[in-house]
Amino acid sequence: MARLAFGGFELDPASGELRKGEDCTHIQEQPLRLLLCLLERPGQLVGREELQKRMWGGEVHVDFEDGLNAAAWRLRQVLGDSAEKPVFIETVPRKGYRFVGKVLPLPGNGPPPSGSFPMPVYRPDSGPRPRPTPESARFPRPRILWLALALALGLVAAGTGLWFAFQPRPVTVAIAPLLNGTGDPAVDYFASALSREVGRDLRAMRGMKVVFLSVAPPQGGEATRSLGAASLKLRWTLTRDPKGYLIPVDLRDPDGRSRGQAVFLATPEDLHGVHQRIADYVAARAAEGSAARRP
């Protein structure tokens, strides 16, 4: 299948590489299959049953509803798209999806595989460069200028040190794996993607640091303290609900004391916004804890 271009992106269907400018991302298998199904028929509705056959080969034992929702959620994250204001992927409730952008096939061979890392881009010469002045033609700088420069740099370094000394210490959140309580392995993909997005949202906030734990923290203060010096530790679970998914969130301090509990509902129409609500809640609890520890 030829390379395709849409909305500033360039897709290589064979390798799954999606390029935009100098950036290159590798799309995972299920989101890539969904994207290719939609790109084949831009502007047309592709039904959920047809997507099931195309993406899973008609396997009836796969809970394709959850898998399809998770694939669409991840695909929108890669494209920077939104379910509320779609630029590329439009959701038709209970029917399927439609690609709303313009698709153009690209002739010729694509660039060589990059390993999903940004590739260097050729930039044309901007014109002749000025020749350096010979060392013998330069005027010697007065010694006073060097002393003034050294003094200025010293003052800047001292001021910077004082500024950092009086800044509040960042809050570190340790995120445990999002436990899949549905018993369905097809939901593991969505749980993993949701965990990554919450961590990304928190890292983008000022004064927040994030570490990911490889295993869920055990119950109890003594066992929790062994996980490190994080200001908050996030434990959470993903369960089914008639309206979508329920995500109970439990925040603990290093001594195992509760710092907040909440339950978030993620409906099929809101799978792309729940990660920001969870991150905002964690950040608000972290800010309250920081204010309480200040003298």
C-alpha atoms as a PDB file:
ATOM      1  CA  MET A   1       0.000   0.000   0.000  1.00  0.00           C
ATOM      2  CA  ALA A   2       1.340   3.425  -0.979  1.00  0.00           C
ATOM      3  CA  ARG A   3       2.268   6.066   1.547  1.00  0.00           C
ATOM      4  CA  LEU A   4      -0.577   8.414   2.462  1.00  0.00           C
ATOM      5  CA  ALA A   5      -0.662  12.079   3.431  1.00  0.00           C
ATOM      6  CA  PHE A   6      -3.334  13.851   5.455  1.00  0.00           C
ATOM      7  CA  GLY A   7      -3.439  16.955   7.621  1.00  0.00           C
ATOM      8  CA  GLY A   8       0.332  17.468   7.635  1.00  0.00           C
ATOM      9  CA  PHE A   9       0.987  13.799   8.457  1.00  0.00           C
ATOM     10  CA  GLU A  10       2.667  11.191   6.286  1.00  0.00           C
ATOM     11  CA  LEU A  11       1.853   7.522   6.974  1.00  0.00           C
ATOM     12  CA  ASP A  12       3.809   4.481   5.860  1.00  0.00           C
ATOM     13  CA  PRO A  13       1.264   1.612   6.146  1.00  0.00           C
ATOM     14  CA  ALA A  14       3.939  -1.067   5.829  1.00  0.00           C
ATOM     15  CA  SER A  15       6.001   0.066   8.830  1.00  0.00           C
ATOM     16  CA  GLY A  16       3.310   1.902  10.788  1.00  0.00           C
ATOM     17  CA  GLU A  17       5.468   5.031  10.933  1.00  0.00           C
ATOM     18  CA  LEU A  18       3.623   8.336  11.139  1.00  0.00           C
ATOM     19  CA  ARG A  19       5.661  11.453  10.345  1.00  0.00           C
ATOM     20  CA  LYS A  20       4.951  15.116  10.833  1.00  0.00           C
ATOM     21  CA  GLY A  21       7.816  17.398   9.985  1.00  0.00           C
ATOM     22  CA  GLU A  22      10.878  16.127  11.824  1.00  0.00           C
ATOM     23  CA  ASP A  23       8.895  13.974  14.259  1.00  0.00           C
ATOM     24  CA  CYS A  24       8.243  10.292  13.686  1.00  0.00           C
ATOM     25  CA  THR A  25       5.958   8.004  15.726  1.00  0.00           C
ATOM     26  CA  HIS A  26       5.286   4.282  15.394  1.00  0.00           C
ATOM     27  CA  ILE A  27       1.549   3.495  15.586  1.00  0.00           C
ATOM     28  CA  GLN A  28       0.714   0.266  17.385  1.00  0.00           C
ATOM     29  CA  GLU A  29      -1.026  -2.584  15.593  1.00  0.00           C
ATOM     30  CA  GLN A  30      -4.714  -2.097  16.450  1.00  0.00           C
ATOM     31  CA  PRO A  31      -4.802   1.727  16.098  1.00  0.00           C
ATOM     32  CA  LEU A  32      -2.944   1.336  12.780  1.00  0.00           C
ATOM     33  CA  ARG A  33      -5.504  -1.166  11.483  1.00  0.00           C
ATOM     34  CA  LEU A  34      -8.322   1.194  12.476  1.00  0.00           C
ATOM     35  CA  LEU A  35      -6.635   4.137  10.755  1.00  0.00           C
ATOM     36  CA  LEU A  36      -6.056   2.173   7.542  1.00  0.00           C
ATOM     37  CA  CYS A  37      -9.700   1.058   7.463  1.00  0.00           C
ATOM     38  CA  LEU A  38     -10.836   4.664   7.705  1.00  0.00           C
ATOM     39  CA  LEU A  39      -8.265   6.057   5.251  1.00  0.00           C
ATOM     40  CA  GLU A  40      -9.476   3.631   2.570  1.00  0.00           C
ATOM     41  CA  ARG A  41     -12.882   5.360   2.564  1.00  0.00           C
ATOM     42  CA  PRO A  42     -12.464   8.995   3.622  1.00  0.00           C
ATOM     43  CA  GLY A  43     -15.726  10.778   4.322  1.00  0.00           C
ATOM     44  CA  GLN A  44     -17.673   7.490   4.593  1.00  0.00           C
ATOM     45  CA  LEU A  45     -18.983   5.781   7.701  1.00  0.00           C
ATOM     46  CA  VAL A  46     -17.218   2.506   8.517  1.00  0.00           C
ATOM     47  CA  GLY A  47     -19.478   0.389  10.723  1.00  0.00           C
ATOM     48  CA  ARG A  48     -18.398  -1.247  13.972  1.00  0.00           C
ATOM     49  CA  GLU A  49     -19.174  -4.756  12.685  1.00  0.00           C
ATOM     50  CA  GLU A  50     -17.025  -4.210   9.604  1.00  0.00           C
ATOM     51  CA  LEU A  51     -14.209  -2.883  11.795  1.00  0.00           C
ATOM     52  CA  GLN A  52     -14.496  -5.997  13.957  1.00  0.00           C
ATOM     53  CA  LYS A  53     -13.956  -8.229  10.942  1.00  0.00           C
ATOM     54  CA  ARG A  54     -11.114  -6.102   9.575  1.00  0.00           C
ATOM     55  CA  MET A  55      -9.268  -5.634  12.870  1.00  0.00           C
ATOM     56  CA  TRP A  56      -9.828  -9.008  14.548  1.00  0.00           C
ATOM     57  CA  GLY A  57     -10.656 -11.283  11.628  1.00  0.00           C
ATOM     58  CA  GLY A  58     -14.180 -11.926  12.901  1.00  0.00           C
ATOM     59  CA  GLU A  59     -13.039 -13.581  16.133  1.00  0.00           C
ATOM     60  CA  VAL A  60     -16.175 -13.652  18.280  1.00  0.00           C
ATOM     61  CA  HIS A  61     -14.390 -14.330  21.585  1.00  0.00           C
ATOM     62  CA  VAL A  62     -12.700 -10.916  21.540  1.00  0.00           C
ATOM     63  CA  ASP A  63     -14.590  -8.133  23.302  1.00  0.00           C
ATOM     64  CA  PHE A  64     -14.079  -5.877  20.330  1.00  0.00           C
ATOM     65  CA  GLU A  65     -16.251  -3.049  21.740  1.00  0.00           C
ATOM     66  CA  ASP A  66     -13.684  -2.279  24.430  1.00  0.00           C
ATOM     67  CA  GLY A  67     -10.787  -2.971  22.093  1.00  0.00           C
ATOM     68  CA  LEU A  68     -12.211  -0.704  19.388  1.00  0.00           C
ATOM     69  CA  ASN A  69     -12.840   2.129  21.856  1.00  0.00           C
ATOM     70  CA  ALA A  70      -9.301   1.786  23.197  1.00  0.00           C
ATOM     71  CA  ALA A  71      -7.802   1.742  19.681  1.00  0.00           C
ATOM     72  CA  ALA A  72      -9.737   4.890  18.728  1.00  0.00           C
ATOM     73  CA  TRP A  73      -8.667   6.580  21.961  1.00  0.00           C
ATOM     74  CA  ARG A  74      -4.992   5.822  21.356  1.00  0.00           C
ATOM     75  CA  LEU A  75      -5.215   6.828  17.687  1.00  0.00           C
ATOM     76  CA  ARG A  76      -6.623  10.222  18.637  1.00  0.00           C
ATOM     77  CA  GLN A  77      -3.801  10.682  21.128  1.00  0.00           C
ATOM     78  CA  VAL A  78      -1.238  10.057  18.383  1.00  0.00           C
ATOM     79  CA  LEU A  79      -2.976  12.421  15.940  1.00  0.00           C
ATOM     80  CA  GLY A  80      -3.667  15.097  18.551  1.00  0.00           C
ATOM     81  CA  ASP A  81      -7.367  14.772  17.720  1.00  0.00           C
ATOM     82  CA  SER A  82     -10.450  15.254  19.901  1.00  0.00           C
ATOM     83  CA  ALA A  83     -13.720  13.335  20.020  1.00  0.00           C
ATOM     84  CA  GLU A  84     -15.599  16.562  20.812  1.00  0.00           C
ATOM     85  CA  LYS A  85     -14.101  18.571  17.916  1.00  0.00           C
ATOM     86  CA  PRO A  86     -12.710  15.957  15.507  1.00  0.00           C
ATOM     87  CA  VAL A  87     -10.258  16.980  12.827  1.00  0.00           C
ATOM     88  CA  PHE A  88      -9.591  13.453  11.572  1.00  0.00           C
ATOM     89  CA  ILE A  89     -11.625  10.751  13.376  1.00  0.00           C
ATOM     90  CA  GLU A  90     -15.361  11.359  13.807  1.00  0.00           C
ATOM     91  CA  THR A  91     -17.375   9.079  16.104  1.00  0.00           C
ATOM     92  CA  VAL A  92     -20.882   8.156  14.965  1.00  0.00           C
ATOM     93  CA  PRO A  93     -22.489   6.912  18.217  1.00  0.00           C
ATOM     94  CA  ARG A  94     -23.375   3.198  18.211  1.00  0.00           C
ATOM     95  CA  LYS A  95     -22.585   2.940  14.480  1.00  0.00           C
ATOM     96  CA  GLY A  96     -18.894   3.407  13.781  1.00  0.00           C
ATOM     97  CA  TYR A  97     -16.262   5.934  12.742  1.00  0.00           C
ATOM     98  CA  ARG A  98     -15.617   8.239   9.806  1.00  0.00           C
ATOM     99  CA  PHE A  99     -12.387   9.870   8.591  1.00  0.00           C
ATOM    100  CA  VAL A 100     -13.224  13.512   7.919  1.00  0.00           C
ATOM    101  CA  GLY A 101      -9.852  14.732   6.589  1.00  0.00           C
ATOM    102  CA  LYS A 102      -8.503  14.793   3.040  1.00  0.00           C
ATOM    103  CA  VAL A 103      -6.280  11.846   2.068  1.00  0.00           C
ATOM    104  CA  LEU A 104      -3.657  11.963  -0.701  1.00  0.00           C
ATOM    105  CA  PRO A 105      -1.516   9.029  -1.921  1.00  0.00           C
ATOM    106  CA  LEU A 106       2.203   9.789  -2.154  1.00  0.00           C
ATOM    107  CA  PRO A 107       4.189   8.506  -5.167  1.00  0.00           C
ATOM    108  CA  GLY A 108       7.588   6.870  -4.961  1.00  0.00           C
ATOM    109  CA  ASN A 109       9.355   5.110  -2.136  1.00  0.00           C
ATOM    110  CA  GLY A 110       9.158   6.418   1.384  1.00  0.00           C
ATOM    111  CA  PRO A 111      12.086   7.279   3.629  1.00  0.00           C
ATOM    112  CA  PRO A 112      14.033   4.389   5.218  1.00  0.00           C
ATOM    113  CA  PRO A 113      12.797   3.073   8.590  1.00  0.00           C
ATOM    114  CA  SER A 114      13.912   5.339  11.375  1.00  0.00           C
ATOM    115  CA  GLY A 115      13.217   3.237  14.423  1.00  0.00           C
ATOM    116  CA  SER A 116      10.497   5.776  15.327  1.00  0.00           C
ATOM    117  CA  PHE A 117      13.072   8.453  16.193  1.00  0.00           C
ATOM    118  CA  PRO A 118      13.079  11.937  14.679  1.00  0.00           C
ATOM    119  CA  MET A 119      15.192  12.037  11.532  1.00  0.00           C
ATOM    120  CA  PRO A 120      17.473  14.918  10.475  1.00  0.00           C
ATOM    121  CA  VAL A 121      16.014  17.190   7.825  1.00  0.00           C
ATOM    122  CA  TYR A 122      18.056  18.803   5.035  1.00  0.00           C
ATOM    123  CA  ARG A 123      18.016  22.575   5.304  1.00  0.00           C
ATOM    124  CA  PRO A 124      19.086  24.640   2.236  1.00  0.00           C
ATOM    125  CA  ASP A 125      22.070  26.954   2.462  1.00  0.00           C
ATOM    126  CA  SER A 126      20.993  30.397   3.632  1.00  0.00           C
ATOM    127  CA  GLY A 127      23.773  32.145   1.666  1.00  0.00           C
ATOM    128  CA  PRO A 128      27.467  32.936   2.046  1.00  0.00           C
ATOM    129  CA  ARG A 129      28.712  33.038   5.597  1.00  0.00           C
ATOM    130  CA  PRO A 130      30.939  35.887   6.793  1.00  0.00           C
ATOM    131  CA  ARG A 131      34.589  34.949   7.002  1.00  0.00           C
ATOM    132  CA  PRO A 132      36.122  35.028  10.476  1.00  0.00           C
ATOM    133  CA  THR A 133      38.373  37.945  11.249  1.00  0.00           C
ATOM    134  CA  PRO A 134      42.026  36.908  11.544  1.00  0.00           C
ATOM    135  CA  GLU A 135      43.287  36.801  15.102  1.00  0.00           C
ATOM    136  CA  SER A 136      45.926  39.417  14.325  1.00  0.00           C
ATOM    137  CA  ALA A 137      43.283  41.916  13.148  1.00  0.00           C
ATOM    138  CA  ARG A 138      41.173  41.754  16.333  1.00  0.00           C
ATOM    139  CA  PHE A 139      41.412  44.502  18.867  1.00  0.00           C
ATOM    140  CA  PRO A 140      42.499  43.331  22.344  1.00  0.00           C
ATOM    141  CA  ARG A 141      39.644  43.641  24.832  1.00  0.00           C
ATOM    142  CA  PRO A 142      40.349  45.723  27.928  1.00  0.00           C
ATOM    143  CA  ARG A 143      40.929  43.743  31.059  1.00  0.00           C
ATOM    144  CA  ILE A 144      38.206  45.674  32.840  1.00  0.00           C
ATOM    145  CA  LEU A 145      35.562  44.193  30.524  1.00  0.00           C
ATOM    146  CA  TRP A 146      36.562  40.653  31.497  1.00  0.00           C
ATOM    147  CA  LEU A 147      36.416  41.541  35.183  1.00  0.00           C
ATOM    148  CA  ALA A 148      32.989  43.121  34.761  1.00  0.00           C
ATOM    149  CA  LEU A 149      31.752  40.073  32.889  1.00  0.00           C
ATOM    150  CA  ALA A 150      33.028  37.729  35.587  1.00  0.00           C
ATOM    151  CA  LEU A 151      31.368  39.846  38.285  1.00  0.00           C
ATOM    152  CA  ALA A 152      28.056  39.883  36.410  1.00  0.00           C
ATOM    153  CA  LEU A 153      28.131  36.117  35.969  1.00  0.00           C
ATOM    154  CA  GLY A 154      28.868  35.681  39.666  1.00  0.00           C
ATOM    155  CA  LEU A 155      25.897  37.859  40.619  1.00  0.00           C
ATOM    156  CA  VAL A 156      23.617  35.964  38.262  1.00  0.00           C
ATOM    157  CA  ALA A 157      24.766  32.617  39.681  1.00  0.00           C
ATOM    158  CA  ALA A 158      24.254  33.831  43.247  1.00  0.00           C
ATOM    159  CA  GLY A 159      20.800  35.183  42.441  1.00  0.00           C
ATOM    160  CA  THR A 160      19.821  31.969  40.723  1.00  0.00           C
ATOM    161  CA  GLY A 161      20.993  29.938  43.705  1.00  0.00           C
ATOM    162  CA  LEU A 162      18.952  32.075  46.105  1.00  0.00           C
ATOM    163  CA  TRP A 163      15.895  31.824  43.860  1.00  0.00           C
ATOM    164  CA  PHE A 164      16.053  28.038  43.785  1.00  0.00           C
ATOM    165  CA  ALA A 165      16.682  27.911  47.535  1.00  0.00           C
ATOM    166  CA  PHE A 166      13.409  29.698  48.281  1.00  0.00           C
ATOM    167  CA  GLN A 167      11.313  27.810  45.731  1.00  0.00           C
ATOM    168  CA  PRO A 168       8.875  25.214  47.122  1.00  0.00           C
ATOM    169  CA  ARG A 169      10.080  21.664  46.736  1.00  0.00           C
ATOM    170  CA  PRO A 170       8.381  19.790  43.886  1.00  0.00           C
ATOM    171  CA  VAL A 171       5.729  17.217  44.662  1.00  0.00           C
ATOM    172  CA  THR A 172       6.575  13.703  43.488  1.00  0.00           C
ATOM    173  CA  VAL A 173       3.686  11.381  42.632  1.00  0.00           C
ATOM    174  CA  ALA A 174       4.375   7.648  42.439  1.00  0.00           C
ATOM    175  CA  ILE A 175       1.854   6.069  40.052  1.00  0.00           C
ATOM    176  CA  ALA A 176       1.095   2.397  40.568  1.00  0.00           C
ATOM    177  CA  PRO A 177      -0.061   0.311  37.575  1.00  0.00           C
ATOM    178  CA  LEU A 178      -3.752   0.785  36.816  1.00  0.00           C
ATOM    179  CA  LEU A 179      -5.216  -2.562  37.851  1.00  0.00           C
ATOM    180  CA  ASN A 180      -7.559  -4.111  35.298  1.00  0.00           C
ATOM    181  CA  GLY A 181     -10.443  -5.354  37.428  1.00  0.00           C
ATOM    182  CA  THR A 182     -12.631  -6.319  34.463  1.00  0.00           C
ATOM    183  CA  GLY A 183     -10.961  -9.695  33.949  1.00  0.00           C
ATOM    184  CA  ASP A 184     -10.774  -8.963  30.213  1.00  0.00           C
ATOM    185  CA  PRO A 185      -7.225  -8.878  28.757  1.00  0.00           C
ATOM    186  CA  ALA A 186      -8.479  -6.687  25.898  1.00  0.00           C
ATOM    187  CA  VAL A 187      -8.823  -3.798  28.386  1.00  0.00           C
ATOM    188  CA  ASP A 188      -5.128  -3.962  29.366  1.00  0.00           C
ATOM    189  CA  TYR A 189      -4.272  -1.760  26.386  1.00  0.00           C
ATOM    190  CA  PHE A 190      -6.655   0.997  27.519  1.00  0.00           C
ATOM    191  CA  ALA A 191      -5.446   0.760  31.127  1.00  0.00           C
ATOM    192  CA  SER A 192      -1.813   1.113  30.070  1.00  0.00           C
ATOM    193  CA  ALA A 193      -2.555   4.080  27.782  1.00  0.00           C
ATOM    194  CA  LEU A 194      -4.610   5.837  30.469  1.00  0.00           C
ATOM    195  CA  SER A 195      -1.774   5.459  32.978  1.00  0.00           C
ATOM    196  CA  ARG A 196       0.720   7.006  30.550  1.00  0.00           C
ATOM    197  CA  GLU A 197      -1.569   9.954  29.791  1.00  0.00           C
ATOM    198  CA  VAL A 198      -2.174  10.760  33.469  1.00  0.00           C
ATOM    199  CA  GLY A 199       1.574  10.738  34.052  1.00  0.00           C
ATOM    200  CA  ARG A 200       2.123  12.988  31.037  1.00  0.00           C
ATOM    201  CA  ASP A 201      -0.519  15.460  32.253  1.00  0.00           C
ATOM    202  CA  LEU A 202       1.047  15.636  35.717  1.00  0.00           C
ATOM    203  CA  ARG A 203       4.563  16.146  34.333  1.00  0.00           C
ATOM    204  CA  ALA A 204       3.271  19.098  32.304  1.00  0.00           C
ATOM    205  CA  MET A 205       2.147  20.847  35.508  1.00  0.00           C
ATOM    206  CA  ARG A 206       4.489  23.164  37.367  1.00  0.00           C
ATOM    207  CA  GLY A 207       6.033  21.724  40.523  1.00  0.00           C
ATOM    208  CA  MET A 208       5.016  18.133  39.760  1.00  0.00           C
ATOM    209  CA  LYS A 209       7.267  15.109  39.271  1.00  0.00           C
ATOM    210  CA  VAL A 210       6.128  11.606  38.352  1.00  0.00           C
ATOM    211  CA  VAL A 211       7.598   8.141  38.879  1.00  0.00           C
ATOM    212  CA  PHE A 212       5.963   4.944  37.672  1.00  0.00           C
ATOM    213  CA  LEU A 213       5.977   1.895  39.939  1.00  0.00           C
ATOM    214  CA  SER A 214       6.439  -1.544  38.404  1.00  0.00           C
ATOM    215  CA  VAL A 215       4.048  -3.167  40.888  1.00  0.00           C
ATOM    216  CA  ALA A 216       1.069  -1.855  42.818  1.00  0.00           C
ATOM    217  CA  PRO A 217       1.917  -0.638  46.354  1.00  0.00           C
ATOM    218  CA  PRO A 218       0.732  -2.963  49.114  1.00  0.00           C
ATOM    219  CA  GLN A 219      -1.630  -1.913  51.899  1.00  0.00           C
ATOM    220  CA  GLY A 220      -0.305  -0.527  55.174  1.00  0.00           C
ATOM    221  CA  GLY A 221       2.030   2.257  56.248  1.00  0.00           C
ATOM    222  CA  GLU A 222       5.221   0.273  56.730  1.00  0.00           C
ATOM    223  CA  ALA A 223       5.000  -1.481  53.382  1.00  0.00           C
ATOM    224  CA  THR A 224       4.099   1.750  51.598  1.00  0.00           C
ATOM    225  CA  ARG A 225       7.075   3.607  53.083  1.00  0.00           C
ATOM    226  CA  SER A 226       9.430   1.153  51.403  1.00  0.00           C
ATOM    227  CA  LEU A 227       8.377   2.427  47.973  1.00  0.00           C
ATOM    228  CA  GLY A 228      10.449   5.587  48.259  1.00  0.00           C
ATOM    229  CA  ALA A 229      10.212   9.214  49.272  1.00  0.00           C
ATOM    230  CA  ALA A 230       7.349  10.231  46.969  1.00  0.00           C
ATOM    231  CA  SER A 231       5.015  12.899  48.346  1.00  0.00           C
ATOM    232  CA  LEU A 232       1.944  11.014  47.119  1.00  0.00           C
ATOM    233  CA  LYS A 233       1.310   7.497  45.892  1.00  0.00           C
ATOM    234  CA  LEU A 234      -1.545   6.787  43.501  1.00  0.00           C
ATOM    235  CA  ARG A 235      -3.374   3.474  43.601  1.00  0.00           C
ATOM    236  CA  TRP A 236      -6.265   2.897  41.219  1.00  0.00           C
ATOM    237  CA  THR A 237      -8.426   0.229  39.606  1.00  0.00           C
ATOM    238  CA  LEU A 238     -10.420  -0.054  36.393  1.00  0.00           C
ATOM    239  CA  THR A 239     -13.829  -1.768  36.588  1.00  0.00           C
ATOM    240  CA  ARG A 240     -16.833  -2.022  34.320  1.00  0.00           C
ATOM    241  CA  ASP A 241     -19.991   0.040  34.677  1.00  0.00           C
ATOM    242  CA  PRO A 242     -23.226   0.024  32.641  1.00  0.00           C
ATOM    243  CA  LYS A 243     -22.242   3.490  31.412  1.00  0.00           C
ATOM    244  CA  GLY A 244     -18.592   2.687  30.655  1.00  0.00           C
ATOM    245  CA  TYR A 245     -15.736   2.270  33.153  1.00  0.00           C
ATOM    246  CA  LEU A 246     -15.354   3.198  36.816  1.00  0.00           C
ATOM    247  CA  ILE A 247     -11.915   4.254  38.025  1.00  0.00           C
ATOM    248  CA  PRO A 248     -11.589   4.449  41.850  1.00  0.00           C
ATOM    249  CA  VAL A 249      -8.535   6.544  42.810  1.00  0.00           C
ATOM    250  CA  ASP A 250      -6.788   6.316  46.192  1.00  0.00           C
ATOM    251  CA  LEU A 251      -4.001   8.728  47.214  1.00  0.00           C
ATOM    252  CA  ARG A 252      -1.650   7.950  50.110  1.00  0.00           C
ATOM    253  CA  ASP A 253       1.237   9.781  51.766  1.00  0.00           C
ATOM    254  CA  PRO A 254       4.577   8.050  52.531  1.00  0.00           C
ATOM    255  CA  ASP A 255       3.173   6.857  55.892  1.00  0.00           C
ATOM    256  CA  GLY A 256       0.145   5.235  54.273  1.00  0.00           C
ATOM    257  CA  ARG A 257      -2.357   7.871  55.409  1.00  0.00           C
ATOM    258  CA  SER A 258      -5.170   8.695  53.006  1.00  0.00           C
ATOM    259  CA  ARG A 259      -4.809  11.974  51.107  1.00  0.00           C
ATOM    260  CA  GLY A 260      -7.931  11.658  49.013  1.00  0.00           C
ATOM    261  CA  GLN A 261     -10.256   9.164  47.385  1.00  0.00           C
ATOM    262  CA  ALA A 262     -12.498   9.644  44.360  1.00  0.00           C
ATOM    263  CA  VAL A 263     -14.262   7.639  41.671  1.00  0.00           C
ATOM    264  CA  PHE A 264     -14.191   8.722  38.021  1.00  0.00           C
ATOM    265  CA  LEU A 265     -16.630   7.562  35.352  1.00  0.00           C
ATOM    266  CA  ALA A 266     -15.285   7.142  31.818  1.00  0.00           C
ATOM    267  CA  THR A 267     -18.052   6.818  29.240  1.00  0.00           C
ATOM    268  CA  PRO A 268     -17.356   5.743  25.628  1.00  0.00           C
ATOM    269  CA  GLU A 269     -17.813   9.387  24.583  1.00  0.00           C
ATOM    270  CA  ASP A 270     -15.419  10.648  27.286  1.00  0.00           C
ATOM    271  CA  LEU A 271     -12.513   8.211  27.081  1.00  0.00           C
ATOM    272  CA  HIS A 272     -10.330  11.066  25.831  1.00  0.00           C
ATOM    273  CA  GLY A 273     -10.941  13.427  28.740  1.00  0.00           C
ATOM    274  CA  VAL A 274     -10.924  11.309  31.876  1.00  0.00           C
ATOM    275  CA  HIS A 275      -7.102  11.299  32.144  1.00  0.00           C
ATOM    276  CA  GLN A 276      -7.030  15.093  32.501  1.00  0.00           C
ATOM    277  CA  ARG A 277      -9.725  15.034  35.222  1.00  0.00           C
ATOM    278  CA  ILE A 278      -7.753  12.444  37.190  1.00  0.00           C
ATOM    279  CA  ALA A 279      -4.526  14.435  36.821  1.00  0.00           C
ATOM    280  CA  ASP A 280      -6.257  17.643  37.952  1.00  0.00           C
ATOM    281  CA  TYR A 281      -7.604  15.855  41.031  1.00  0.00           C
ATOM    282  CA  VAL A 282      -4.185  14.445  41.966  1.00  0.00           C
ATOM    283  CA  ALA A 283      -2.544  17.858  41.476  1.00  0.00           C
ATOM    284  CA  ALA A 284      -5.166  19.556  43.666  1.00  0.00           C
ATOM    285  CA  ARG A 285      -4.622  17.047  46.503  1.00  0.00           C
ATOM    286  CA  ALA A 286      -0.867  17.479  46.127  1.00  0.00           C
ATOM    287  CA  ALA A 287      -1.182  21.268  46.384  1.00  0.00           C
ATOM    288  CA  GLU A 288      -3.275  20.949  49.542  1.00  0.00           C
ATOM    289  CA  GLY A 289      -0.681  18.638  51.090  1.00  0.00           C
ATOM    290  CA  SER A 290       2.159  21.038  50.234  1.00  0.00           C
ATOM    291  CA  ALA A 291       0.332  23.984  51.775  1.00  0.00           C
ATOM    292  CA  ALA A 292      -0.341  22.021  54.958  1.00  0.00           C
ATOM    293  CA  ARG A 293       3.376  21.143  55.366  1.00  0.00           C
ATOM    294  CA  ARG A 294       4.596  24.732  55.048  1.00  0.00           C
ATOM    295  CA  PRO A 295       5.565  26.433  58.344  1.00  0.00           C
END
